[in-house]
N, C-alpha and C. Protein backbone atom coordinates (compact mmCIF):
# COMPACT_ATOMS: atom_id res chain seq x y z
N UNK A 1 0.84 -1.18 0.00
CA UNK A 1 0.00 0.00 0.00
C UNK A 1 0.89 1.25 0.00
N UNK A 2 0.36 2.30 -0.49
CA UNK A 2 1.12 3.55 -0.55
C UNK A 2 0.78 4.38 0.67
N UNK A 3 1.75 4.60 1.53
CA UNK A 3 1.45 5.46 2.68
C UNK A 3 1.32 6.90 2.23
N UNK A 4 0.38 7.57 2.77
CA UNK A 4 0.18 8.97 2.43
C UNK A 4 0.10 9.80 3.69
N UNK A 5 -0.27 11.02 3.51
CA UNK A 5 -0.41 11.94 4.62
C UNK A 5 -1.67 12.74 4.34
N UNK A 6 -2.59 12.74 5.29
CA UNK A 6 -3.87 13.41 5.05
C UNK A 6 -3.70 14.89 4.71
N UNK A 7 -2.74 15.55 5.33
CA UNK A 7 -2.55 16.98 5.06
C UNK A 7 -1.83 17.22 3.74
N UNK A 8 -0.90 16.35 3.40
CA UNK A 8 -0.06 16.57 2.22
C UNK A 8 -0.50 15.77 1.00
N UNK A 9 -1.48 14.92 1.14
CA UNK A 9 -1.96 14.14 0.01
C UNK A 9 -1.43 12.72 0.03
N UNK A 10 -2.10 11.88 -0.73
CA UNK A 10 -1.77 10.45 -0.72
C UNK A 10 -0.44 10.14 -1.38
N UNK A 11 0.06 11.05 -2.19
CA UNK A 11 1.31 10.80 -2.91
C UNK A 11 2.45 11.69 -2.42
N UNK A 12 2.38 12.09 -1.15
CA UNK A 12 3.40 13.01 -0.63
C UNK A 12 4.80 12.41 -0.65
N UNK A 13 4.92 11.10 -0.43
CA UNK A 13 6.25 10.49 -0.45
C UNK A 13 6.89 10.59 -1.83
N UNK A 14 6.09 10.43 -2.87
CA UNK A 14 6.61 10.55 -4.23
C UNK A 14 7.03 12.00 -4.50
N UNK A 15 6.19 12.95 -4.09
CA UNK A 15 6.54 14.37 -4.27
C UNK A 15 7.82 14.71 -3.51
N UNK A 16 7.97 14.17 -2.29
CA UNK A 16 9.18 14.43 -1.50
C UNK A 16 10.41 13.82 -2.18
N UNK A 17 10.26 12.64 -2.76
CA UNK A 17 11.37 12.01 -3.49
C UNK A 17 11.78 12.86 -4.68
N UNK A 18 10.80 13.37 -5.41
CA UNK A 18 11.08 14.24 -6.56
C UNK A 18 11.84 15.48 -6.11
N UNK A 19 11.36 16.11 -5.05
CA UNK A 19 12.01 17.33 -4.54
C UNK A 19 13.43 17.04 -4.07
N UNK A 20 13.62 15.92 -3.41
CA UNK A 20 14.95 15.55 -2.92
C UNK A 20 15.92 15.35 -4.09
N UNK A 21 15.48 14.62 -5.11
CA UNK A 21 16.35 14.38 -6.26
C UNK A 21 16.68 15.65 -7.01
N UNK A 22 15.72 16.56 -7.10
CA UNK A 22 15.98 17.82 -7.80
C UNK A 22 17.02 18.66 -7.07
N UNK A 23 17.03 18.58 -5.75
CA UNK A 23 17.97 19.38 -4.95
C UNK A 23 19.33 18.70 -4.81
N UNK A 24 19.40 17.42 -5.06
CA UNK A 24 20.62 16.65 -4.82
C UNK A 24 21.51 16.71 -6.05
N UNK A 25 22.48 17.60 -6.02
CA UNK A 25 23.35 17.79 -7.18
C UNK A 25 24.37 16.66 -7.36
N UNK A 26 24.57 15.86 -6.33
CA UNK A 26 25.55 14.77 -6.44
C UNK A 26 25.00 13.56 -7.20
N UNK A 27 23.69 13.47 -7.32
CA UNK A 27 23.10 12.34 -8.04
C UNK A 27 23.40 12.50 -9.53
N UNK A 28 23.88 11.44 -10.15
CA UNK A 28 24.20 11.49 -11.58
C UNK A 28 22.91 11.57 -12.39
N UNK A 29 23.05 12.02 -13.62
CA UNK A 29 21.88 12.10 -14.50
C UNK A 29 21.31 10.70 -14.74
N UNK A 30 22.16 9.69 -14.78
CA UNK A 30 21.69 8.32 -14.99
C UNK A 30 20.80 7.88 -13.83
N UNK A 31 21.24 8.14 -12.60
CA UNK A 31 20.45 7.79 -11.41
C UNK A 31 19.12 8.54 -11.43
N UNK A 32 19.18 9.83 -11.75
CA UNK A 32 17.95 10.63 -11.78
C UNK A 32 16.97 10.09 -12.81
N UNK A 33 17.46 9.78 -14.00
CA UNK A 33 16.57 9.25 -15.04
C UNK A 33 15.98 7.91 -14.60
N UNK A 34 16.78 7.06 -13.98
CA UNK A 34 16.27 5.77 -13.51
C UNK A 34 15.16 5.96 -12.47
N UNK A 35 15.38 6.86 -11.53
CA UNK A 35 14.38 7.09 -10.48
C UNK A 35 13.13 7.73 -11.07
N UNK A 36 13.31 8.72 -11.95
CA UNK A 36 12.15 9.37 -12.53
C UNK A 36 11.37 8.42 -13.44
N UNK A 37 12.07 7.53 -14.13
CA UNK A 37 11.38 6.51 -14.92
C UNK A 37 10.61 5.55 -14.01
N UNK A 38 11.18 5.23 -12.86
CA UNK A 38 10.47 4.38 -11.90
C UNK A 38 9.21 5.08 -11.40
N UNK A 39 9.29 6.39 -11.20
CA UNK A 39 8.11 7.15 -10.77
C UNK A 39 7.05 7.15 -11.87
N UNK A 40 7.48 7.26 -13.12
CA UNK A 40 6.53 7.18 -14.25
C UNK A 40 5.85 5.82 -14.25
N UNK A 41 6.62 4.75 -14.09
CA UNK A 41 6.05 3.40 -14.06
C UNK A 41 5.09 3.24 -12.88
N UNK A 42 5.47 3.77 -11.73
CA UNK A 42 4.61 3.72 -10.56
C UNK A 42 3.32 4.49 -10.81
N UNK A 43 3.42 5.65 -11.40
CA UNK A 43 2.23 6.45 -11.72
C UNK A 43 1.29 5.69 -12.65
N UNK A 44 1.87 5.02 -13.63
CA UNK A 44 1.06 4.23 -14.56
C UNK A 44 0.36 3.09 -13.82
N UNK A 45 1.09 2.44 -12.93
CA UNK A 45 0.49 1.36 -12.14
C UNK A 45 -0.62 1.86 -11.23
N UNK A 46 -0.41 3.02 -10.64
CA UNK A 46 -1.41 3.57 -9.72
C UNK A 46 -2.64 4.11 -10.44
N UNK A 47 -2.54 4.32 -11.73
CA UNK A 47 -3.68 4.83 -12.48
C UNK A 47 -4.62 3.71 -12.94
N UNK A 48 -4.26 2.47 -12.65
CA UNK A 48 -5.10 1.34 -13.04
C UNK A 48 -6.34 1.26 -12.15
N UNK A 49 -7.39 0.63 -12.67
CA UNK A 49 -8.62 0.45 -11.88
C UNK A 49 -8.36 -0.46 -10.69
N UNK A 50 -7.56 -1.48 -10.89
CA UNK A 50 -7.14 -2.37 -9.82
C UNK A 50 -5.64 -2.24 -9.69
N UNK A 51 -5.17 -1.93 -8.49
CA UNK A 51 -3.74 -1.81 -8.29
C UNK A 51 -3.08 -3.17 -8.47
N UNK A 52 -1.79 -3.13 -8.71
CA UNK A 52 -1.04 -4.37 -8.90
C UNK A 52 -1.07 -5.22 -7.63
N UNK A 53 -1.35 -4.61 -6.52
CA UNK A 53 -1.44 -5.28 -5.23
C UNK A 53 -2.64 -4.68 -4.51
N UNK A 54 -3.31 -5.46 -3.73
CA UNK A 54 -4.39 -4.94 -2.91
C UNK A 54 -4.66 -5.90 -1.76
N UNK A 55 -5.30 -5.38 -0.74
CA UNK A 55 -5.58 -6.19 0.45
C UNK A 55 -6.64 -7.23 0.12
N UNK A 56 -6.37 -8.46 0.46
CA UNK A 56 -7.33 -9.54 0.25
C UNK A 56 -8.33 -9.61 1.42
N UNK A 57 -7.93 -9.07 2.55
CA UNK A 57 -8.76 -9.09 3.74
C UNK A 57 -9.92 -8.12 3.56
N UNK A 58 -11.13 -8.60 3.70
CA UNK A 58 -12.31 -7.76 3.50
C UNK A 58 -12.45 -6.68 4.57
N UNK A 59 -11.79 -6.88 5.72
CA UNK A 59 -11.88 -5.90 6.80
C UNK A 59 -10.96 -4.71 6.56
N UNK A 60 -9.99 -4.89 5.69
CA UNK A 60 -9.03 -3.83 5.39
C UNK A 60 -9.36 -3.27 4.01
N UNK A 61 -9.57 -1.97 3.95
CA UNK A 61 -9.85 -1.33 2.66
C UNK A 61 -8.52 -1.07 1.97
N UNK A 62 -8.38 -1.60 0.76
CA UNK A 62 -7.12 -1.41 0.04
C UNK A 62 -7.12 -0.07 -0.68
N UNK A 63 -5.94 0.37 -1.06
CA UNK A 63 -5.80 1.68 -1.70
C UNK A 63 -6.58 1.80 -2.99
N UNK A 64 -6.69 0.69 -3.76
CA UNK A 64 -7.46 0.80 -5.00
C UNK A 64 -8.93 1.09 -4.70
N UNK A 65 -9.43 0.57 -3.59
CA UNK A 65 -10.81 0.89 -3.19
C UNK A 65 -10.91 2.32 -2.67
N UNK A 66 -9.86 2.78 -2.00
CA UNK A 66 -9.86 4.14 -1.46
C UNK A 66 -9.76 5.20 -2.55
N UNK A 67 -8.92 4.95 -3.56
CA UNK A 67 -8.58 6.00 -4.50
C UNK A 67 -9.22 5.88 -5.87
N UNK A 68 -9.70 4.69 -6.28
CA UNK A 68 -10.26 4.56 -7.62
C UNK A 68 -11.45 5.49 -7.79
N UNK A 69 -11.39 6.29 -8.83
CA UNK A 69 -12.47 7.22 -9.12
C UNK A 69 -12.38 8.53 -8.36
N UNK A 70 -11.39 8.66 -7.47
CA UNK A 70 -11.22 9.90 -6.72
C UNK A 70 -10.53 10.92 -7.62
N UNK A 71 -11.25 11.96 -7.97
CA UNK A 71 -10.74 12.96 -8.92
C UNK A 71 -9.44 13.60 -8.42
N UNK A 72 -9.34 13.89 -7.12
CA UNK A 72 -8.13 14.55 -6.62
C UNK A 72 -6.92 13.62 -6.73
N UNK A 73 -7.12 12.31 -6.53
CA UNK A 73 -6.03 11.35 -6.67
C UNK A 73 -5.58 11.29 -8.13
N UNK A 74 -6.55 11.22 -9.05
CA UNK A 74 -6.22 11.19 -10.48
C UNK A 74 -5.50 12.46 -10.91
N UNK A 75 -5.95 13.61 -10.39
CA UNK A 75 -5.30 14.88 -10.73
C UNK A 75 -3.88 14.94 -10.18
N UNK A 76 -3.70 14.41 -8.96
CA UNK A 76 -2.36 14.40 -8.36
C UNK A 76 -1.43 13.49 -9.16
N UNK A 77 -1.92 12.33 -9.59
CA UNK A 77 -1.12 11.43 -10.43
C UNK A 77 -0.74 12.10 -11.74
N UNK A 78 -1.70 12.75 -12.36
CA UNK A 78 -1.45 13.44 -13.62
C UNK A 78 -0.43 14.56 -13.44
N UNK A 79 -0.57 15.29 -12.35
CA UNK A 79 0.36 16.38 -12.04
C UNK A 79 1.78 15.85 -11.84
N UNK A 80 1.90 14.75 -11.11
CA UNK A 80 3.22 14.15 -10.88
C UNK A 80 3.82 13.67 -12.19
N UNK A 81 3.03 13.01 -13.02
CA UNK A 81 3.53 12.51 -14.30
C UNK A 81 4.00 13.66 -15.18
N UNK A 82 3.23 14.74 -15.23
CA UNK A 82 3.63 15.91 -16.04
C UNK A 82 4.91 16.53 -15.52
N UNK A 83 5.00 16.67 -14.20
CA UNK A 83 6.20 17.23 -13.59
C UNK A 83 7.42 16.37 -13.91
N UNK A 84 7.28 15.07 -13.74
CA UNK A 84 8.40 14.16 -13.98
C UNK A 84 8.81 14.16 -15.45
N UNK A 85 7.85 14.25 -16.35
CA UNK A 85 8.20 14.33 -17.78
C UNK A 85 9.04 15.56 -18.07
N UNK A 86 8.68 16.69 -17.48
CA UNK A 86 9.45 17.91 -17.69
C UNK A 86 10.85 17.79 -17.08
N UNK A 87 10.91 17.22 -15.88
CA UNK A 87 12.21 17.05 -15.22
C UNK A 87 13.09 16.10 -16.04
N UNK A 88 12.51 15.00 -16.52
CA UNK A 88 13.27 14.06 -17.36
C UNK A 88 13.87 14.77 -18.56
N UNK A 89 13.05 15.57 -19.21
CA UNK A 89 13.51 16.34 -20.37
C UNK A 89 14.70 17.22 -19.99
N UNK A 90 14.58 17.92 -18.88
CA UNK A 90 15.65 18.82 -18.43
C UNK A 90 16.92 18.06 -18.09
N UNK A 91 16.78 16.96 -17.35
CA UNK A 91 17.95 16.16 -16.95
C UNK A 91 18.68 15.63 -18.18
N UNK A 92 17.92 15.13 -19.14
CA UNK A 92 18.53 14.57 -20.36
C UNK A 92 19.25 15.66 -21.14
N UNK A 93 18.61 16.80 -21.32
CA UNK A 93 19.21 17.89 -22.10
C UNK A 93 20.43 18.50 -21.41
N UNK A 94 20.53 18.38 -20.09
CA UNK A 94 21.67 18.94 -19.36
C UNK A 94 22.87 18.00 -19.33
N UNK A 95 22.68 16.75 -19.71
CA UNK A 95 23.79 15.79 -19.72
C UNK A 95 24.81 16.23 -20.77
N UNK A 96 26.08 16.38 -20.34
CA UNK A 96 27.11 16.91 -21.24
C UNK A 96 27.71 15.84 -22.15
N UNK A 97 27.75 14.60 -21.71
CA UNK A 97 28.32 13.53 -22.53
C UNK A 97 27.27 13.05 -23.53
N UNK A 98 27.59 13.18 -24.81
CA UNK A 98 26.61 12.89 -25.86
C UNK A 98 26.09 11.46 -25.83
N UNK A 99 26.97 10.49 -25.68
CA UNK A 99 26.54 9.09 -25.69
C UNK A 99 25.60 8.84 -24.50
N UNK A 100 25.97 9.35 -23.35
CA UNK A 100 25.11 9.19 -22.17
C UNK A 100 23.77 9.88 -22.39
N UNK A 101 23.79 11.09 -22.95
CA UNK A 101 22.55 11.81 -23.23
C UNK A 101 21.65 10.99 -24.16
N UNK A 102 22.24 10.42 -25.20
CA UNK A 102 21.46 9.61 -26.14
C UNK A 102 20.85 8.39 -25.48
N UNK A 103 21.63 7.71 -24.66
CA UNK A 103 21.11 6.51 -23.99
C UNK A 103 20.05 6.86 -22.95
N UNK A 104 20.23 7.97 -22.25
CA UNK A 104 19.21 8.41 -21.28
C UNK A 104 17.90 8.74 -21.99
N UNK A 105 18.01 9.36 -23.16
CA UNK A 105 16.80 9.67 -23.94
C UNK A 105 16.09 8.38 -24.34
N UNK A 106 16.85 7.36 -24.70
CA UNK A 106 16.25 6.08 -25.07
C UNK A 106 15.64 5.39 -23.85
N UNK A 107 16.32 5.48 -22.70
CA UNK A 107 15.76 4.92 -21.46
C UNK A 107 14.40 5.54 -21.17
N UNK A 108 14.34 6.87 -21.25
CA UNK A 108 13.09 7.58 -20.97
C UNK A 108 12.02 7.21 -21.99
N UNK A 109 12.40 7.14 -23.24
CA UNK A 109 11.45 6.80 -24.31
C UNK A 109 10.87 5.40 -24.08
N UNK A 110 11.71 4.44 -23.80
CA UNK A 110 11.24 3.07 -23.56
C UNK A 110 10.32 3.01 -22.34
N UNK A 111 10.67 3.74 -21.31
CA UNK A 111 9.82 3.80 -20.11
C UNK A 111 8.44 4.32 -20.46
N UNK A 112 8.39 5.40 -21.23
CA UNK A 112 7.10 5.99 -21.61
C UNK A 112 6.30 5.04 -22.49
N UNK A 113 6.98 4.38 -23.42
CA UNK A 113 6.29 3.47 -24.34
C UNK A 113 5.64 2.30 -23.62
N UNK A 114 6.29 1.80 -22.58
CA UNK A 114 5.72 0.65 -21.87
C UNK A 114 4.78 1.07 -20.73
N UNK A 115 4.80 2.34 -20.36
CA UNK A 115 3.99 2.79 -19.23
C UNK A 115 2.64 3.38 -19.61
N UNK A 116 2.55 3.96 -20.80
CA UNK A 116 1.33 4.67 -21.18
C UNK A 116 0.70 4.08 -22.42
N UNK A 117 -0.60 4.32 -22.56
CA UNK A 117 -1.31 3.93 -23.78
C UNK A 117 -0.75 4.74 -24.94
N UNK A 118 -0.70 4.11 -26.08
CA UNK A 118 -0.23 4.80 -27.28
C UNK A 118 -1.19 5.93 -27.61
N UNK A 119 -0.63 7.11 -27.80
CA UNK A 119 -1.43 8.29 -28.15
C UNK A 119 -0.58 9.21 -29.01
N UNK A 120 -1.24 10.19 -29.57
CA UNK A 120 -0.52 11.17 -30.39
C UNK A 120 0.50 11.93 -29.53
N UNK A 121 0.11 12.30 -28.31
CA UNK A 121 1.00 13.04 -27.42
C UNK A 121 2.23 12.20 -27.05
N UNK A 122 1.98 10.92 -26.76
CA UNK A 122 3.09 10.02 -26.43
C UNK A 122 4.02 9.88 -27.63
N UNK A 123 3.45 9.76 -28.79
CA UNK A 123 4.24 9.63 -30.01
C UNK A 123 5.13 10.86 -30.22
N UNK A 124 4.57 12.04 -29.99
CA UNK A 124 5.36 13.28 -30.13
C UNK A 124 6.49 13.33 -29.12
N UNK A 125 6.20 12.98 -27.87
CA UNK A 125 7.22 13.02 -26.81
C UNK A 125 8.34 12.03 -27.12
N UNK A 126 7.96 10.82 -27.50
CA UNK A 126 8.97 9.80 -27.79
C UNK A 126 9.76 10.14 -29.05
N UNK A 127 9.11 10.74 -30.02
CA UNK A 127 9.83 11.17 -31.23
C UNK A 127 10.89 12.20 -30.88
N UNK A 128 10.55 13.09 -29.97
CA UNK A 128 11.51 14.10 -29.52
C UNK A 128 12.70 13.44 -28.82
N UNK A 129 12.42 12.45 -27.97
CA UNK A 129 13.50 11.74 -27.28
C UNK A 129 14.35 10.94 -28.26
N UNK A 130 13.73 10.33 -29.24
CA UNK A 130 14.48 9.58 -30.26
C UNK A 130 15.34 10.53 -31.09
N UNK A 131 14.83 11.72 -31.37
CA UNK A 131 15.64 12.71 -32.10
C UNK A 131 16.88 13.09 -31.31
N UNK A 132 16.73 13.24 -30.00
CA UNK A 132 17.89 13.52 -29.14
C UNK A 132 18.89 12.37 -29.26
N UNK A 133 18.38 11.14 -29.16
CA UNK A 133 19.26 9.97 -29.23
C UNK A 133 19.96 9.88 -30.59
N UNK A 134 19.23 10.15 -31.66
CA UNK A 134 19.83 10.10 -33.00
C UNK A 134 20.92 11.14 -33.17
N UNK A 135 20.78 12.28 -32.50
CA UNK A 135 21.80 13.32 -32.61
C UNK A 135 23.05 13.00 -31.78
N UNK A 136 22.93 12.02 -30.88
CA UNK A 136 24.04 11.72 -29.97
C UNK A 136 24.69 10.36 -30.20
N UNK A 137 23.99 9.47 -30.86
CA UNK A 137 24.47 8.09 -30.99
C UNK A 137 24.70 7.73 -32.46
N UNK A 138 25.50 6.71 -32.65
CA UNK A 138 25.75 6.19 -34.00
C UNK A 138 24.46 5.55 -34.50
N UNK A 139 24.14 5.73 -35.78
CA UNK A 139 22.89 5.17 -36.33
C UNK A 139 22.78 3.65 -36.20
N UNK A 140 23.94 2.97 -36.09
CA UNK A 140 23.90 1.51 -35.98
C UNK A 140 23.84 1.03 -34.53
N UNK A 141 23.75 1.94 -33.59
CA UNK A 141 23.60 1.59 -32.17
C UNK A 141 22.36 0.71 -32.01
N UNK A 142 22.55 -0.49 -31.47
CA UNK A 142 21.44 -1.46 -31.37
C UNK A 142 20.31 -0.96 -30.47
N UNK A 143 20.65 -0.28 -29.39
CA UNK A 143 19.62 0.24 -28.48
C UNK A 143 18.75 1.27 -29.20
N UNK A 144 19.37 2.10 -30.01
CA UNK A 144 18.63 3.09 -30.80
C UNK A 144 17.72 2.38 -31.81
N UNK A 145 18.28 1.41 -32.51
CA UNK A 145 17.50 0.68 -33.52
C UNK A 145 16.31 -0.05 -32.90
N UNK A 146 16.52 -0.69 -31.75
CA UNK A 146 15.42 -1.44 -31.14
C UNK A 146 14.34 -0.51 -30.59
N UNK A 147 14.75 0.65 -30.09
CA UNK A 147 13.77 1.62 -29.60
C UNK A 147 12.96 2.20 -30.75
N UNK A 148 13.63 2.52 -31.84
CA UNK A 148 12.93 3.04 -33.03
C UNK A 148 11.96 1.97 -33.55
N UNK A 149 12.40 0.72 -33.54
CA UNK A 149 11.54 -0.37 -34.00
C UNK A 149 10.30 -0.51 -33.11
N UNK A 150 10.49 -0.43 -31.80
CA UNK A 150 9.37 -0.48 -30.86
C UNK A 150 8.42 0.68 -31.09
N UNK A 151 9.00 1.86 -31.24
CA UNK A 151 8.19 3.06 -31.49
C UNK A 151 7.41 2.93 -32.79
N UNK A 152 8.06 2.44 -33.84
CA UNK A 152 7.38 2.26 -35.13
C UNK A 152 6.22 1.27 -35.00
N UNK A 153 6.45 0.18 -34.28
CA UNK A 153 5.40 -0.82 -34.09
C UNK A 153 4.20 -0.24 -33.35
N UNK A 154 4.47 0.51 -32.30
CA UNK A 154 3.38 1.11 -31.54
C UNK A 154 2.70 2.22 -32.33
N UNK A 155 3.48 2.97 -33.10
CA UNK A 155 2.90 4.04 -33.92
C UNK A 155 2.01 3.47 -35.00
N UNK A 156 2.40 2.32 -35.57
CA UNK A 156 1.54 1.72 -36.60
C UNK A 156 0.24 1.25 -35.96
N UNK A 157 0.31 0.77 -34.70
CA UNK A 157 -0.92 0.41 -33.99
C UNK A 157 -1.78 1.64 -33.76
N UNK A 158 -1.15 2.77 -33.46
CA UNK A 158 -1.89 4.02 -33.28
C UNK A 158 -2.55 4.40 -34.59
N UNK A 159 -1.82 4.26 -35.69
CA UNK A 159 -2.40 4.54 -37.01
C UNK A 159 -3.59 3.64 -37.29
N UNK A 160 -3.46 2.35 -36.92
CA UNK A 160 -4.58 1.42 -37.10
C UNK A 160 -5.77 1.84 -36.25
N UNK A 161 -5.49 2.30 -35.01
CA UNK A 161 -6.57 2.74 -34.13
C UNK A 161 -7.26 3.97 -34.69
N UNK A 162 -6.47 4.91 -35.19
CA UNK A 162 -7.03 6.13 -35.76
C UNK A 162 -7.85 5.79 -37.00
N UNK A 163 -7.31 4.92 -37.85
CA UNK A 163 -8.04 4.53 -39.07
C UNK A 163 -9.35 3.83 -38.71
N UNK A 164 -9.32 2.93 -37.73
CA UNK A 164 -10.54 2.24 -37.31
C UNK A 164 -11.54 3.22 -36.73
N UNK A 165 -11.04 4.18 -35.98
CA UNK A 165 -11.93 5.19 -35.40
C UNK A 165 -12.56 6.05 -36.50
N UNK A 166 -11.78 6.38 -37.53
CA UNK A 166 -12.32 7.17 -38.64
C UNK A 166 -13.35 6.36 -39.42
N UNK A 167 -13.06 5.05 -39.61
CA UNK A 167 -14.01 4.20 -40.32
C UNK A 167 -15.32 4.09 -39.55
N UNK A 168 -15.23 3.90 -38.23
CA UNK A 168 -16.46 3.78 -37.44
C UNK A 168 -17.22 5.10 -37.42
N UNK A 169 -16.51 6.21 -37.47
CA UNK A 169 -17.16 7.52 -37.52
C UNK A 169 -17.90 7.69 -38.84
N UNK A 170 -17.26 7.28 -39.94
CA UNK A 170 -17.91 7.43 -41.24
C UNK A 170 -19.11 6.50 -41.36
N UNK A 171 -19.05 5.32 -40.73
CA UNK A 171 -20.18 4.41 -40.75
C UNK A 171 -21.35 5.02 -39.97
N UNK A 172 -21.04 5.63 -38.83
CA UNK A 172 -22.07 6.24 -38.00
C UNK A 172 -22.71 7.41 -38.72
N UNK A 173 -21.93 8.17 -39.48
CA UNK A 173 -22.45 9.35 -40.14
C UNK A 173 -23.36 9.00 -41.30
N UNK A 174 -23.19 7.84 -41.92
CA UNK A 174 -24.01 7.48 -43.09
C UNK A 174 -25.36 7.13 -42.65
């Protein structure tokens, strides 16, 4: 279960972790990206209707029962995800070593691709991260190629979804 604080919100520990990492100049960009990607993954898990874990005991109310459908919880999750995306972008762009910057961009891109539903916004964000990686890494870098391949596969699924949605719209309109 996620411990929270009634005054500071249910996700105060995550917010405190974010604040601590932002202030900690000794943490490497690699460590920061790993932790922020973990927060993204956690946010994705917490946004599910059923948490990955929950209390089986009927006498104990689990967090998914407490928070599912709670607008303030959903808004806090969304706020944290947006904040972390911006911080990830900043951390990656501030990395001075090109190869490291490229790999960090790919780490973030892969995290986003596996954490969120495919969408136009996700596609734009990941395309931006892949562009950073392409500017920093050799084109034959296997990590770059596999990430581009994953992105292409998911993007084609998005195209299929958009096409299906357009087809169903045109059927409804007739």
